[in-house]
C-alpha atoms as a PDB file:
ATOM      1  CA  MET A   1     111.890  34.731 128.242  1.00  0.00           C
ATOM      2  CA  ALA A   2     113.293  38.088 127.694  1.00  0.00           C
ATOM      3  CA  GLN A   3     113.243  39.625 124.080  1.00  0.00           C
ATOM      4  CA  THR A   4     117.001  39.971 124.187  1.00  0.00           C
ATOM      5  CA  GLU A   5     117.538  36.278 125.219  1.00  0.00           C
ATOM      6  CA  ARG A   6     115.454  35.018 122.300  1.00  0.00           C
ATOM      7  CA  ASN A   7     117.132  37.412 119.843  1.00  0.00           C
ATOM      8  CA  GLY A   8     120.669  36.633 120.904  1.00  0.00           C
ATOM      9  CA  PRO A   9     121.260  33.334 119.039  1.00  0.00           C
ATOM     10  CA  LEU A  10     119.370  34.605 116.022  1.00  0.00           C
ATOM     11  CA  THR A  11     121.459  37.764 115.960  1.00  0.00           C
ATOM     12  CA  ARG A  12     124.643  35.793 116.363  1.00  0.00           C
ATOM     13  CA  LEU A  13     123.554  33.534 113.385  1.00  0.00           C
ATOM     14  CA  ALA A  14     122.717  36.528 111.196  1.00  0.00           C
ATOM     15  CA  GLY A  15     126.165  38.035 111.994  1.00  0.00           C
ATOM     16  CA  LYS A  16     127.903  34.765 111.292  1.00  0.00           C
ATOM     17  CA  ALA A  17     125.934  34.557 107.893  1.00  0.00           C
ATOM     18  CA  LYS A  18     126.965  38.037 106.964  1.00  0.00           C
ATOM     19  CA  GLU A  19     130.594  37.464 107.920  1.00  0.00           C
ATOM     20  CA  VAL A  20     130.733  34.242 105.701  1.00  0.00           C
ATOM     21  CA  ALA A  21     128.960  35.915 102.900  1.00  0.00           C
ATOM     22  CA  GLY A  22     131.253  38.870 102.970  1.00  0.00           C
ATOM     23  CA  GLU A  23     134.308  36.659 102.890  1.00  0.00           C
ATOM     24  CA  VAL A  24     132.980  34.580 100.032  1.00  0.00           C
ATOM     25  CA  ILE A  25     132.249  37.523  97.803  1.00  0.00           C
ATOM     26  CA  GLY A  26     135.267  39.517  98.854  1.00  0.00           C
ATOM     27  CA  ASN A  27     133.294  42.193 100.650  1.00  0.00           C
ATOM     28  CA  GLU A  28     135.277  43.088 103.700  1.00  0.00           C
ATOM     29  CA  ASP A  29     132.713  45.539 104.872  1.00  0.00           C
ATOM     30  CA  LEU A  30     129.996  43.043 105.037  1.00  0.00           C
ATOM     31  CA  ALA A  31     132.270  40.596 106.703  1.00  0.00           C
ATOM     32  CA  ARG A  32     133.247  43.340 109.331  1.00  0.00           C
ATOM     33  CA  GLU A  33     129.631  44.028 109.919  1.00  0.00           C
ATOM     34  CA  GLY A  34     128.951  40.412 110.592  1.00  0.00           C
ATOM     35  CA  ARG A  35     131.611  40.075 113.046  1.00  0.00           C
ATOM     36  CA  ALA A  36     130.452  43.126 114.883  1.00  0.00           C
ATOM     37  CA  GLY A  37     126.918  41.714 114.999  1.00  0.00           C
ATOM     38  CA  GLU A  38     128.117  38.510 116.412  1.00  0.00           C
ATOM     39  CA  ALA A  39     130.144  40.285 119.036  1.00  0.00           C
ATOM     40  CA  GLY A  40     127.121  42.431 120.013  1.00  0.00           C
ATOM     41  CA  ALA A  41     124.902  39.378 120.216  1.00  0.00           C
ATOM     42  CA  ARG A  42     127.198  37.946 122.881  1.00  0.00           C
ATOM     43  CA  ARG A  43     126.966  40.829 125.379  1.00  0.00           C
END
């Protein structure tokens, strides 16, 4: 399995965690960073 294939789901999960954390604490920059990380992991 290639390195990117293994990291894709973990990167997506980390992005989602950042997005949710940012929304909960009201930090839009963190939420935006999380959404960007999720989108990048799907490529």
